[in-house]
């Protein structure tokens, strides 16, 4: 086991938990309660194979923006960056999400089957979305919290229209609610969490 990677991954998870706990908001209590149930000792740690995708080119800029509001979190992000296993949802493509979308989109897990710590029907990770992108209407059975670490960015939930949210505003999606995201002139880096029903992937509306 690589002790340095273990400590860095745990540092990042704790920094996310501390930031959410300090701000509060809809869904935060559920997320922190489920997070407290996830073991993060050495016996539940593993080193995912690092994997980079084109969207990672936005990571350094986004992390620099996080520094202004959450310096401890930004430091943890910078320290873990080379060890992250970035992925893209297999059902997504430029054909349905717009030319160039896949090169501006990606996610990784910190806790979960592709992350640093095993989980009990719980996922915690990061999302990257490049500027000027529309992650269109989708849904899933998992309750979901987004914590944008950069902003502003536009978010839509249910039948409502898009609302501009600033960095560090908590966004909560109940099961099966349709939601969407539009980035503006800067990339979005967000922490995300699914608290249950994690085996069913997101589905785009109309697909």
N, C-alpha and C. Protein backbone atom coordinates (compact mmCIF):
# COMPACT_ATOMS: atom_id res chain seq x y z
N UNK A 1 0.83 -1.20 0.00
CA UNK A 1 0.00 0.00 0.00
C UNK A 1 0.87 1.25 0.00
N UNK A 2 0.50 2.21 -0.81
CA UNK A 2 1.22 3.48 -0.86
C UNK A 2 0.64 4.42 0.20
N UNK A 3 1.38 4.62 1.28
CA UNK A 3 0.88 5.40 2.40
C UNK A 3 0.60 6.84 2.01
N UNK A 4 1.42 7.40 1.14
CA UNK A 4 1.24 8.80 0.75
C UNK A 4 -0.07 8.99 -0.03
N UNK A 5 -0.36 8.08 -0.96
CA UNK A 5 -1.61 8.18 -1.72
C UNK A 5 -2.80 7.97 -0.80
N UNK A 6 -2.70 6.99 0.11
CA UNK A 6 -3.77 6.76 1.08
C UNK A 6 -4.08 8.03 1.87
N UNK A 7 -3.05 8.66 2.39
CA UNK A 7 -3.26 9.86 3.21
C UNK A 7 -3.79 11.03 2.37
N UNK A 8 -3.35 11.13 1.13
CA UNK A 8 -3.82 12.22 0.27
C UNK A 8 -5.28 12.03 -0.10
N UNK A 9 -5.67 10.80 -0.44
CA UNK A 9 -7.07 10.52 -0.77
C UNK A 9 -7.97 10.79 0.42
N UNK A 10 -7.54 10.37 1.60
CA UNK A 10 -8.33 10.61 2.81
C UNK A 10 -8.42 12.11 3.11
N UNK A 11 -7.35 12.82 2.88
CA UNK A 11 -7.32 14.28 3.07
C UNK A 11 -8.36 14.94 2.16
N UNK A 12 -8.43 14.53 0.90
CA UNK A 12 -9.39 15.14 -0.02
C UNK A 12 -10.82 14.84 0.40
N UNK A 13 -11.11 13.59 0.75
CA UNK A 13 -12.47 13.25 1.20
C UNK A 13 -12.84 14.08 2.42
N UNK A 14 -11.93 14.20 3.35
CA UNK A 14 -12.21 14.97 4.58
C UNK A 14 -12.39 16.45 4.27
N UNK A 15 -11.62 16.98 3.32
CA UNK A 15 -11.76 18.40 2.95
C UNK A 15 -13.12 18.66 2.33
N UNK A 16 -13.62 17.72 1.52
CA UNK A 16 -14.96 17.86 0.95
C UNK A 16 -16.01 17.82 2.05
N UNK A 17 -15.87 16.87 2.97
CA UNK A 17 -16.82 16.75 4.07
C UNK A 17 -16.82 18.01 4.94
N UNK A 18 -15.64 18.54 5.23
CA UNK A 18 -15.55 19.74 6.06
C UNK A 18 -16.21 20.93 5.36
N UNK A 19 -15.97 21.07 4.04
CA UNK A 19 -16.56 22.17 3.30
C UNK A 19 -18.07 22.10 3.26
N UNK A 20 -18.60 20.90 3.01
CA UNK A 20 -20.04 20.72 3.00
C UNK A 20 -20.64 20.97 4.37
N UNK A 21 -20.00 20.45 5.39
CA UNK A 21 -20.51 20.63 6.73
C UNK A 21 -20.54 22.08 7.17
N UNK A 22 -19.55 22.85 6.73
CA UNK A 22 -19.49 24.27 7.10
C UNK A 22 -20.58 25.08 6.41
N UNK A 23 -20.98 24.66 5.22
CA UNK A 23 -21.97 25.43 4.45
C UNK A 23 -23.39 24.93 4.64
N UNK A 24 -23.57 23.62 4.79
CA UNK A 24 -24.91 23.07 4.93
C UNK A 24 -25.70 23.20 3.64
N UNK A 25 -26.98 22.86 3.73
CA UNK A 25 -27.84 22.93 2.57
C UNK A 25 -28.61 21.64 2.38
N UNK A 26 -29.56 21.65 1.45
CA UNK A 26 -30.40 20.49 1.21
C UNK A 26 -29.54 19.30 0.80
N UNK A 27 -29.77 18.18 1.45
CA UNK A 27 -29.06 16.95 1.13
C UNK A 27 -27.74 16.76 1.85
N UNK A 28 -27.19 17.80 2.43
CA UNK A 28 -25.87 17.69 3.06
C UNK A 28 -25.89 16.73 4.24
N UNK A 29 -26.93 16.80 5.06
CA UNK A 29 -27.00 15.91 6.22
C UNK A 29 -27.04 14.45 5.78
N UNK A 30 -27.81 14.16 4.72
CA UNK A 30 -27.87 12.79 4.21
C UNK A 30 -26.50 12.34 3.69
N UNK A 31 -25.84 13.19 2.95
CA UNK A 31 -24.53 12.85 2.39
C UNK A 31 -23.52 12.59 3.51
N UNK A 32 -23.45 13.50 4.47
CA UNK A 32 -22.47 13.34 5.54
C UNK A 32 -22.79 12.13 6.42
N UNK A 33 -24.07 11.84 6.60
CA UNK A 33 -24.45 10.66 7.36
C UNK A 33 -24.01 9.38 6.67
N UNK A 34 -24.24 9.31 5.36
CA UNK A 34 -23.81 8.12 4.61
C UNK A 34 -22.29 8.04 4.51
N UNK A 35 -21.65 9.20 4.37
CA UNK A 35 -20.19 9.20 4.31
C UNK A 35 -19.58 8.66 5.60
N UNK A 36 -20.17 9.01 6.72
CA UNK A 36 -19.66 8.54 8.02
C UNK A 36 -19.74 7.02 8.14
N UNK A 37 -20.61 6.39 7.35
CA UNK A 37 -20.76 4.93 7.40
C UNK A 37 -19.76 4.20 6.51
N UNK A 38 -19.03 4.96 5.68
CA UNK A 38 -18.09 4.34 4.74
C UNK A 38 -16.72 4.19 5.39
N UNK A 39 -16.18 2.98 5.47
CA UNK A 39 -14.86 2.80 6.09
C UNK A 39 -13.76 3.39 5.21
N UNK A 40 -12.83 4.10 5.86
CA UNK A 40 -11.70 4.67 5.12
C UNK A 40 -10.37 4.30 5.77
N UNK A 41 -10.32 3.12 6.36
CA UNK A 41 -9.06 2.67 6.94
C UNK A 41 -8.24 1.99 5.85
N UNK A 42 -7.04 1.57 6.21
CA UNK A 42 -6.11 1.01 5.24
C UNK A 42 -6.63 -0.27 4.60
N UNK A 43 -7.43 -1.03 5.33
CA UNK A 43 -7.92 -2.30 4.79
C UNK A 43 -8.97 -2.09 3.69
N UNK A 44 -9.54 -0.89 3.60
CA UNK A 44 -10.55 -0.60 2.58
C UNK A 44 -10.00 0.33 1.50
N UNK A 45 -8.70 0.50 1.48
CA UNK A 45 -8.04 1.36 0.49
C UNK A 45 -7.47 0.53 -0.65
N UNK A 46 -7.53 1.07 -1.86
CA UNK A 46 -6.83 0.47 -2.99
C UNK A 46 -6.38 1.59 -3.92
N UNK A 47 -5.43 1.33 -4.74
CA UNK A 47 -4.90 2.34 -5.65
C UNK A 47 -5.48 2.13 -7.04
N UNK A 48 -6.42 2.97 -7.47
CA UNK A 48 -6.94 2.83 -8.83
C UNK A 48 -5.85 3.15 -9.86
N UNK A 49 -5.93 2.50 -11.01
CA UNK A 49 -4.99 2.81 -12.08
C UNK A 49 -5.27 4.21 -12.60
N UNK A 50 -4.33 5.14 -12.49
CA UNK A 50 -4.59 6.50 -12.97
C UNK A 50 -4.93 6.50 -14.46
N UNK A 51 -5.85 7.37 -14.83
CA UNK A 51 -6.24 7.46 -16.24
C UNK A 51 -6.62 8.90 -16.54
N UNK A 52 -6.01 9.44 -17.59
CA UNK A 52 -6.27 10.82 -17.99
C UNK A 52 -7.13 10.82 -19.26
N UNK A 53 -7.97 11.84 -19.37
CA UNK A 53 -8.81 12.05 -20.54
C UNK A 53 -8.65 13.51 -20.96
N UNK A 54 -9.10 13.89 -22.16
CA UNK A 54 -8.87 15.27 -22.62
C UNK A 54 -9.37 16.36 -21.67
N UNK A 55 -10.49 16.12 -20.99
CA UNK A 55 -11.05 17.15 -20.11
C UNK A 55 -10.13 17.53 -18.96
N UNK A 56 -9.17 16.66 -18.64
CA UNK A 56 -8.26 16.94 -17.52
C UNK A 56 -7.42 18.19 -17.77
N UNK A 57 -7.34 18.63 -19.02
CA UNK A 57 -6.61 19.87 -19.30
C UNK A 57 -7.20 21.07 -18.57
N UNK A 58 -8.46 20.96 -18.09
CA UNK A 58 -9.10 22.05 -17.35
C UNK A 58 -8.84 21.97 -15.85
N UNK A 59 -8.23 20.89 -15.39
CA UNK A 59 -8.14 20.65 -13.94
C UNK A 59 -7.30 21.70 -13.23
N UNK A 60 -6.17 22.07 -13.79
CA UNK A 60 -5.29 23.03 -13.13
C UNK A 60 -5.96 24.39 -12.97
N UNK A 61 -6.62 24.87 -14.03
CA UNK A 61 -7.33 26.15 -13.94
C UNK A 61 -8.42 26.10 -12.88
N UNK A 62 -9.18 25.01 -12.89
CA UNK A 62 -10.27 24.89 -11.92
C UNK A 62 -9.74 24.83 -10.50
N UNK A 63 -8.69 24.07 -10.29
CA UNK A 63 -8.12 23.97 -8.94
C UNK A 63 -7.61 25.32 -8.45
N UNK A 64 -7.02 26.10 -9.34
CA UNK A 64 -6.55 27.43 -8.96
C UNK A 64 -7.72 28.31 -8.52
N UNK A 65 -8.89 28.15 -9.16
CA UNK A 65 -10.05 28.93 -8.76
C UNK A 65 -10.58 28.50 -7.40
N UNK A 66 -10.45 27.22 -7.08
CA UNK A 66 -10.92 26.72 -5.79
C UNK A 66 -10.11 27.34 -4.65
N UNK A 67 -8.86 27.68 -4.91
CA UNK A 67 -7.96 28.19 -3.88
C UNK A 67 -8.54 29.39 -3.14
N UNK A 68 -9.27 30.25 -3.86
CA UNK A 68 -9.78 31.48 -3.24
C UNK A 68 -10.80 31.20 -2.14
N UNK A 69 -11.62 30.15 -2.30
CA UNK A 69 -12.66 29.89 -1.32
C UNK A 69 -12.38 28.73 -0.40
N UNK A 70 -11.59 27.76 -0.86
CA UNK A 70 -11.30 26.55 -0.07
C UNK A 70 -9.84 26.17 -0.27
N UNK A 71 -8.91 26.89 0.34
CA UNK A 71 -7.49 26.61 0.09
C UNK A 71 -7.05 25.20 0.50
N UNK A 72 -7.58 24.67 1.57
CA UNK A 72 -7.21 23.32 1.98
C UNK A 72 -7.69 22.29 0.96
N UNK A 73 -8.90 22.48 0.47
CA UNK A 73 -9.45 21.60 -0.54
C UNK A 73 -8.66 21.70 -1.84
N UNK A 74 -8.31 22.92 -2.24
CA UNK A 74 -7.51 23.10 -3.46
C UNK A 74 -6.16 22.40 -3.35
N UNK A 75 -5.54 22.47 -2.18
CA UNK A 75 -4.25 21.81 -1.99
C UNK A 75 -4.39 20.29 -2.09
N UNK A 76 -5.48 19.76 -1.54
CA UNK A 76 -5.72 18.32 -1.62
C UNK A 76 -5.99 17.90 -3.06
N UNK A 77 -6.73 18.70 -3.81
CA UNK A 77 -6.99 18.40 -5.22
C UNK A 77 -5.68 18.36 -6.02
N UNK A 78 -4.83 19.35 -5.80
CA UNK A 78 -3.56 19.40 -6.52
C UNK A 78 -2.69 18.19 -6.17
N UNK A 79 -2.74 17.76 -4.93
CA UNK A 79 -1.90 16.66 -4.49
C UNK A 79 -2.36 15.30 -5.05
N UNK A 80 -3.67 15.16 -5.30
CA UNK A 80 -4.20 13.86 -5.74
C UNK A 80 -4.30 13.76 -7.26
N UNK A 81 -4.14 14.87 -7.96
CA UNK A 81 -4.47 14.96 -9.39
C UNK A 81 -3.85 13.84 -10.23
N UNK A 82 -2.60 13.54 -10.05
CA UNK A 82 -1.92 12.54 -10.90
C UNK A 82 -2.36 11.12 -10.60
N UNK A 83 -3.12 10.91 -9.54
CA UNK A 83 -3.53 9.56 -9.16
C UNK A 83 -4.99 9.26 -9.50
N UNK A 84 -5.71 10.21 -10.08
CA UNK A 84 -7.13 10.03 -10.34
C UNK A 84 -7.37 9.18 -11.59
N UNK A 85 -8.41 8.36 -11.52
CA UNK A 85 -8.82 7.55 -12.67
C UNK A 85 -10.06 8.20 -13.30
N UNK A 86 -9.82 9.00 -14.33
CA UNK A 86 -10.91 9.73 -14.99
C UNK A 86 -11.64 8.81 -15.95
N UNK A 87 -12.95 8.96 -16.01
CA UNK A 87 -13.80 8.11 -16.82
C UNK A 87 -14.85 8.96 -17.54
N UNK A 88 -15.50 8.35 -18.54
CA UNK A 88 -16.62 8.98 -19.23
C UNK A 88 -17.74 7.95 -19.37
N UNK A 89 -18.97 8.38 -19.18
CA UNK A 89 -20.10 7.45 -19.23
C UNK A 89 -20.21 6.83 -20.62
N UNK A 90 -20.30 5.52 -20.67
CA UNK A 90 -20.26 4.80 -21.93
C UNK A 90 -21.45 5.12 -22.83
N UNK A 91 -22.58 5.50 -22.25
CA UNK A 91 -23.78 5.77 -23.05
C UNK A 91 -23.75 7.16 -23.70
N UNK A 92 -22.78 7.99 -23.34
CA UNK A 92 -22.73 9.35 -23.85
C UNK A 92 -21.85 9.42 -25.10
N UNK A 93 -22.14 10.41 -25.96
CA UNK A 93 -21.35 10.60 -27.18
C UNK A 93 -21.57 12.02 -27.68
N UNK A 94 -20.68 12.46 -28.57
CA UNK A 94 -20.85 13.76 -29.21
C UNK A 94 -22.13 13.80 -30.03
N UNK A 95 -22.54 12.66 -30.55
CA UNK A 95 -23.73 12.61 -31.40
C UNK A 95 -24.99 13.06 -30.65
N UNK A 96 -25.03 12.80 -29.35
CA UNK A 96 -26.23 13.16 -28.58
C UNK A 96 -26.00 14.38 -27.68
N UNK A 97 -24.76 14.71 -27.40
CA UNK A 97 -24.48 15.81 -26.47
C UNK A 97 -23.77 17.00 -27.11
N UNK A 98 -23.46 16.90 -28.39
CA UNK A 98 -22.86 18.04 -29.09
C UNK A 98 -21.41 17.79 -29.44
N UNK A 99 -21.01 18.30 -30.59
CA UNK A 99 -19.65 18.11 -31.07
C UNK A 99 -18.63 18.61 -30.06
N UNK A 100 -17.69 17.77 -29.70
CA UNK A 100 -16.63 18.14 -28.77
C UNK A 100 -16.96 17.93 -27.31
N UNK A 101 -18.22 17.51 -27.03
CA UNK A 101 -18.61 17.36 -25.62
C UNK A 101 -17.72 16.37 -24.89
N UNK A 102 -17.46 15.22 -25.49
CA UNK A 102 -16.73 14.17 -24.79
C UNK A 102 -15.31 14.56 -24.44
N UNK A 103 -14.72 15.46 -25.20
CA UNK A 103 -13.38 15.95 -24.87
C UNK A 103 -13.39 16.99 -23.77
N UNK A 104 -14.58 17.42 -23.37
CA UNK A 104 -14.72 18.43 -22.32
C UNK A 104 -15.45 17.88 -21.09
N UNK A 105 -15.57 16.57 -21.00
CA UNK A 105 -16.40 15.96 -19.96
C UNK A 105 -15.68 14.77 -19.35
N UNK A 106 -15.82 14.62 -18.04
CA UNK A 106 -15.29 13.43 -17.38
C UNK A 106 -15.58 13.45 -15.89
N UNK A 107 -15.47 12.28 -15.28
CA UNK A 107 -15.71 12.16 -13.85
C UNK A 107 -14.76 11.10 -13.27
N UNK A 108 -14.58 11.19 -12.00
CA UNK A 108 -13.79 10.17 -11.30
C UNK A 108 -14.43 9.91 -9.96
N UNK A 109 -14.07 8.79 -9.38
CA UNK A 109 -14.57 8.43 -8.05
C UNK A 109 -13.44 8.51 -7.03
N UNK A 110 -13.80 8.99 -5.85
CA UNK A 110 -12.91 8.92 -4.69
C UNK A 110 -13.30 7.74 -3.81
N UNK A 111 -14.61 7.56 -3.64
CA UNK A 111 -15.18 6.41 -2.93
C UNK A 111 -16.10 5.70 -3.91
N UNK A 112 -15.91 4.39 -4.06
CA UNK A 112 -16.71 3.63 -5.01
C UNK A 112 -15.85 2.60 -5.71
N UNK A 113 -16.41 1.83 -6.63
CA UNK A 113 -15.67 0.73 -7.26
C UNK A 113 -14.47 1.17 -8.09
N UNK A 114 -14.44 2.43 -8.53
CA UNK A 114 -13.30 2.94 -9.30
C UNK A 114 -12.50 3.98 -8.51
N UNK A 115 -12.74 4.05 -7.21
CA UNK A 115 -12.09 5.06 -6.38
C UNK A 115 -11.02 4.49 -5.46
N UNK A 116 -10.67 5.26 -4.46
CA UNK A 116 -9.61 4.89 -3.53
C UNK A 116 -10.11 4.05 -2.36
N UNK A 117 -11.40 4.17 -2.06
CA UNK A 117 -11.98 3.45 -0.93
C UNK A 117 -13.21 2.68 -1.39
N UNK A 118 -13.39 1.47 -0.86
CA UNK A 118 -14.58 0.68 -1.16
C UNK A 118 -15.80 1.37 -0.54
N UNK A 119 -16.98 0.96 -0.98
CA UNK A 119 -18.18 1.64 -0.51
C UNK A 119 -19.33 0.67 -0.35
N UNK A 120 -20.32 1.11 0.39
CA UNK A 120 -21.57 0.37 0.59
C UNK A 120 -22.69 1.18 -0.07
N UNK A 121 -22.90 0.95 -1.38
CA UNK A 121 -23.95 1.64 -2.13
C UNK A 121 -23.84 3.16 -1.95
N UNK A 122 -22.64 3.67 -2.17
CA UNK A 122 -22.35 5.09 -1.96
C UNK A 122 -21.21 5.47 -2.89
N UNK A 123 -21.35 6.60 -3.57
CA UNK A 123 -20.30 7.09 -4.45
C UNK A 123 -19.98 8.53 -4.13
N UNK A 124 -18.71 8.86 -4.14
CA UNK A 124 -18.25 10.23 -3.99
C UNK A 124 -17.16 10.47 -5.02
N UNK A 125 -17.26 11.57 -5.76
CA UNK A 125 -16.27 11.80 -6.79
C UNK A 125 -16.20 13.24 -7.24
N UNK A 126 -15.58 13.44 -8.39
CA UNK A 126 -15.39 14.75 -8.98
C UNK A 126 -15.92 14.74 -10.41
N UNK A 127 -16.44 15.86 -10.85
CA UNK A 127 -16.90 16.05 -12.23
C UNK A 127 -16.14 17.20 -12.85
N UNK A 128 -15.72 17.04 -14.10
CA UNK A 128 -15.13 18.11 -14.89
C UNK A 128 -15.97 18.34 -16.13
N UNK A 129 -16.28 19.60 -16.42
CA UNK A 129 -17.02 19.96 -17.62
C UNK A 129 -16.43 21.26 -18.16
N UNK A 130 -16.00 21.23 -19.40
CA UNK A 130 -15.36 22.40 -20.00
C UNK A 130 -16.32 23.55 -20.22
N UNK A 131 -15.80 24.73 -20.56
CA UNK A 131 -16.65 25.91 -20.76
C UNK A 131 -17.55 25.76 -21.99
N UNK A 132 -18.73 26.40 -21.91
CA UNK A 132 -19.64 26.42 -23.04
C UNK A 132 -20.27 25.09 -23.37
N UNK A 133 -20.47 24.23 -22.37
CA UNK A 133 -21.04 22.91 -22.60
C UNK A 133 -22.42 22.78 -21.96
N UNK A 134 -23.27 21.96 -22.59
CA UNK A 134 -24.62 21.70 -22.09
C UNK A 134 -24.73 20.21 -21.79
N UNK A 135 -24.71 19.87 -20.53
CA UNK A 135 -24.94 18.50 -20.07
C UNK A 135 -26.45 18.39 -19.93
N UNK A 136 -27.09 17.89 -20.96
CA UNK A 136 -28.53 18.05 -21.09
C UNK A 136 -29.32 17.13 -20.17
N UNK A 137 -30.64 17.26 -20.22
CA UNK A 137 -31.55 16.61 -19.28
C UNK A 137 -31.25 15.12 -19.11
N UNK A 138 -31.09 14.72 -17.86
CA UNK A 138 -30.85 13.32 -17.53
C UNK A 138 -31.41 13.04 -16.14
N UNK A 139 -31.44 11.77 -15.78
CA UNK A 139 -32.01 11.38 -14.50
C UNK A 139 -31.45 10.02 -14.09
N UNK A 140 -31.67 9.67 -12.82
CA UNK A 140 -31.20 8.39 -12.29
C UNK A 140 -31.90 8.14 -10.96
N UNK A 141 -31.95 6.90 -10.50
CA UNK A 141 -32.62 6.61 -9.23
C UNK A 141 -31.84 7.07 -8.00
N UNK A 142 -30.56 7.32 -8.14
CA UNK A 142 -29.74 7.70 -6.99
C UNK A 142 -30.02 9.15 -6.56
N UNK A 143 -30.24 9.40 -5.29
CA UNK A 143 -30.23 10.78 -4.80
C UNK A 143 -28.83 11.35 -5.01
N UNK A 144 -28.75 12.59 -5.43
CA UNK A 144 -27.46 13.14 -5.86
C UNK A 144 -27.23 14.54 -5.31
N UNK A 145 -26.04 14.75 -4.79
CA UNK A 145 -25.61 16.09 -4.39
C UNK A 145 -24.46 16.53 -5.28
N UNK A 146 -24.56 17.76 -5.78
CA UNK A 146 -23.45 18.41 -6.46
C UNK A 146 -22.98 19.57 -5.59
N UNK A 147 -21.67 19.68 -5.49
CA UNK A 147 -21.08 20.84 -4.81
C UNK A 147 -20.11 21.48 -5.80
N UNK A 148 -20.58 22.46 -6.58
CA UNK A 148 -19.70 23.12 -7.54
C UNK A 148 -18.56 23.82 -6.81
N UNK A 149 -17.35 23.55 -7.24
CA UNK A 149 -16.17 24.17 -6.64
C UNK A 149 -15.71 25.38 -7.45
N UNK A 150 -16.27 25.53 -8.64
CA UNK A 150 -16.02 26.70 -9.48
C UNK A 150 -17.37 27.23 -9.96
N UNK A 151 -17.38 28.42 -10.49
CA UNK A 151 -18.63 29.01 -10.97
C UNK A 151 -18.36 30.41 -11.49
N UNK A 152 -19.45 31.04 -11.97
CA UNK A 152 -20.84 30.57 -11.97
C UNK A 152 -21.09 29.53 -13.05
N UNK A 153 -22.24 28.85 -12.88
CA UNK A 153 -22.66 27.81 -13.80
C UNK A 153 -24.18 27.73 -13.71
N UNK A 154 -24.84 27.35 -14.80
CA UNK A 154 -26.30 27.29 -14.82
C UNK A 154 -26.78 25.86 -14.57
N UNK A 155 -27.80 25.73 -13.70
CA UNK A 155 -28.34 24.43 -13.33
C UNK A 155 -29.85 24.45 -13.47
N UNK A 156 -30.41 23.32 -13.93
CA UNK A 156 -31.86 23.17 -14.07
C UNK A 156 -32.29 21.92 -13.33
N UNK A 157 -33.45 22.02 -12.67
CA UNK A 157 -33.97 20.89 -11.91
C UNK A 157 -35.48 20.80 -12.10
N UNK A 158 -35.97 19.62 -12.49
CA UNK A 158 -37.40 19.44 -12.68
C UNK A 158 -37.93 20.28 -13.82
N UNK A 159 -39.13 20.84 -13.62
CA UNK A 159 -39.80 21.62 -14.66
C UNK A 159 -39.32 23.07 -14.71
N UNK A 160 -38.47 23.46 -13.80
CA UNK A 160 -38.00 24.84 -13.76
C UNK A 160 -36.98 25.14 -14.85
N UNK A 161 -36.67 26.40 -14.99
CA UNK A 161 -35.65 26.82 -15.94
C UNK A 161 -34.27 26.80 -15.33
N UNK A 162 -33.29 27.22 -16.11
CA UNK A 162 -31.92 27.27 -15.62
C UNK A 162 -31.75 28.42 -14.63
N UNK A 163 -31.01 28.15 -13.58
CA UNK A 163 -30.70 29.13 -12.54
C UNK A 163 -29.19 29.20 -12.39
N UNK A 164 -28.65 30.40 -12.36
CA UNK A 164 -27.20 30.56 -12.21
C UNK A 164 -26.81 30.34 -10.75
N UNK A 165 -25.86 29.45 -10.55
CA UNK A 165 -25.35 29.16 -9.20
C UNK A 165 -23.87 29.52 -9.15
N UNK A 166 -23.47 30.01 -7.99
CA UNK A 166 -22.08 30.38 -7.78
C UNK A 166 -21.30 29.20 -7.21
N UNK A 167 -19.99 29.32 -7.20
CA UNK A 167 -19.15 28.29 -6.60
C UNK A 167 -19.53 28.08 -5.14
N UNK A 168 -19.52 26.83 -4.71
CA UNK A 168 -19.76 26.39 -3.34
C UNK A 168 -21.23 26.43 -2.93
N UNK A 169 -22.16 26.66 -3.88
CA UNK A 169 -23.58 26.50 -3.59
C UNK A 169 -23.95 25.02 -3.74
N UNK A 170 -24.65 24.48 -2.77
CA UNK A 170 -25.02 23.07 -2.78
C UNK A 170 -26.25 22.86 -3.65
N UNK A 171 -26.23 21.81 -4.48
CA UNK A 171 -27.34 21.47 -5.36
C UNK A 171 -27.74 20.03 -5.09
N UNK A 172 -29.03 19.80 -4.83
CA UNK A 172 -29.52 18.48 -4.45
C UNK A 172 -30.56 18.00 -5.44
N UNK A 173 -30.41 16.77 -5.91
CA UNK A 173 -31.36 16.16 -6.83
C UNK A 173 -31.97 14.92 -6.17
N UNK A 174 -33.28 14.92 -6.02
CA UNK A 174 -33.97 13.76 -5.49
C UNK A 174 -34.04 12.66 -6.57
N UNK A 175 -34.33 11.42 -6.18
CA UNK A 175 -34.34 10.32 -7.15
C UNK A 175 -35.25 10.60 -8.35
N UNK A 176 -34.75 10.32 -9.52
CA UNK A 176 -35.46 10.38 -10.80
C UNK A 176 -35.82 11.80 -11.25
N UNK A 177 -35.44 12.82 -10.52
CA UNK A 177 -35.74 14.16 -10.98
C UNK A 177 -34.84 14.50 -12.17
N UNK A 178 -35.44 15.08 -13.21
CA UNK A 178 -34.67 15.44 -14.40
C UNK A 178 -33.86 16.71 -14.10
N UNK A 179 -32.59 16.71 -14.49
CA UNK A 179 -31.75 17.87 -14.23
C UNK A 179 -30.74 18.04 -15.35
N UNK A 180 -30.17 19.23 -15.44
CA UNK A 180 -29.22 19.55 -16.51
C UNK A 180 -28.29 20.64 -16.02
N UNK A 181 -27.17 20.81 -16.74
CA UNK A 181 -26.15 21.79 -16.38
C UNK A 181 -25.63 22.45 -17.64
N UNK A 182 -25.40 23.77 -17.55
CA UNK A 182 -24.73 24.49 -18.63
C UNK A 182 -23.56 25.28 -18.04
N UNK A 183 -22.39 25.09 -18.61
CA UNK A 183 -21.25 25.89 -18.17
C UNK A 183 -21.21 27.18 -18.98
N UNK A 184 -20.58 28.18 -18.42
CA UNK A 184 -20.47 29.48 -19.07
C UNK A 184 -19.07 29.61 -19.66
N UNK A 185 -18.33 30.63 -19.25
CA UNK A 185 -17.04 30.89 -19.89
C UNK A 185 -15.85 30.28 -19.18
N UNK A 186 -16.10 29.43 -18.19
CA UNK A 186 -15.00 28.77 -17.49
C UNK A 186 -15.39 27.32 -17.18
N UNK A 187 -14.42 26.47 -16.98
CA UNK A 187 -14.75 25.07 -16.70
C UNK A 187 -15.39 24.89 -15.33
N UNK A 188 -16.17 23.84 -15.22
CA UNK A 188 -16.79 23.45 -13.96
C UNK A 188 -16.03 22.28 -13.36
N UNK A 189 -15.63 22.43 -12.12
CA UNK A 189 -15.15 21.32 -11.30
C UNK A 189 -16.10 21.21 -10.12
N UNK A 190 -16.66 20.03 -9.91
CA UNK A 190 -17.63 19.86 -8.83
C UNK A 190 -17.38 18.54 -8.12
N UNK A 191 -17.63 18.53 -6.82
CA UNK A 191 -17.73 17.27 -6.10
C UNK A 191 -19.16 16.76 -6.25
N UNK A 192 -19.31 15.45 -6.37
CA UNK A 192 -20.65 14.88 -6.50
C UNK A 192 -20.75 13.64 -5.62
N UNK A 193 -21.99 13.31 -5.26
CA UNK A 193 -22.22 12.17 -4.39
C UNK A 193 -23.55 11.52 -4.72
N UNK A 194 -23.54 10.20 -4.83
CA UNK A 194 -24.77 9.40 -4.89
C UNK A 194 -24.87 8.63 -3.58
N UNK A 195 -26.00 8.75 -2.89
CA UNK A 195 -26.10 8.19 -1.54
C UNK A 195 -26.74 6.81 -1.48
N UNK A 196 -27.36 6.35 -2.57
CA UNK A 196 -27.95 5.01 -2.63
C UNK A 196 -28.33 4.71 -4.08
N UNK A 197 -28.76 3.48 -4.35
CA UNK A 197 -29.16 3.07 -5.70
C UNK A 197 -28.10 3.43 -6.73
N UNK A 198 -26.87 3.09 -6.43
CA UNK A 198 -25.74 3.57 -7.24
C UNK A 198 -25.43 2.70 -8.45
N UNK A 199 -26.07 1.55 -8.57
CA UNK A 199 -25.71 0.63 -9.66
C UNK A 199 -26.36 1.01 -10.99
N UNK A 200 -27.42 1.82 -10.96
CA UNK A 200 -28.10 2.20 -12.19
C UNK A 200 -27.52 3.51 -12.71
N UNK A 201 -26.95 3.53 -13.92
CA UNK A 201 -26.33 4.76 -14.43
C UNK A 201 -27.35 5.82 -14.82
N UNK A 202 -26.87 7.04 -15.01
CA UNK A 202 -27.72 8.12 -15.48
C UNK A 202 -28.22 7.83 -16.89
N UNK A 203 -29.41 8.30 -17.19
CA UNK A 203 -30.01 8.11 -18.51
C UNK A 203 -30.44 9.46 -19.06
N UNK A 204 -30.02 9.75 -20.27
CA UNK A 204 -30.43 10.99 -20.93
C UNK A 204 -31.89 10.92 -21.33
N UNK A 205 -32.62 12.01 -21.15
CA UNK A 205 -34.01 12.05 -21.55
C UNK A 205 -34.10 11.88 -23.07
N UNK A 206 -34.95 10.99 -23.52
CA UNK A 206 -35.12 10.74 -24.93
C UNK A 206 -34.22 9.66 -25.49
N UNK A 207 -33.35 9.09 -24.65
CA UNK A 207 -32.44 8.04 -25.12
C UNK A 207 -32.88 6.67 -24.62
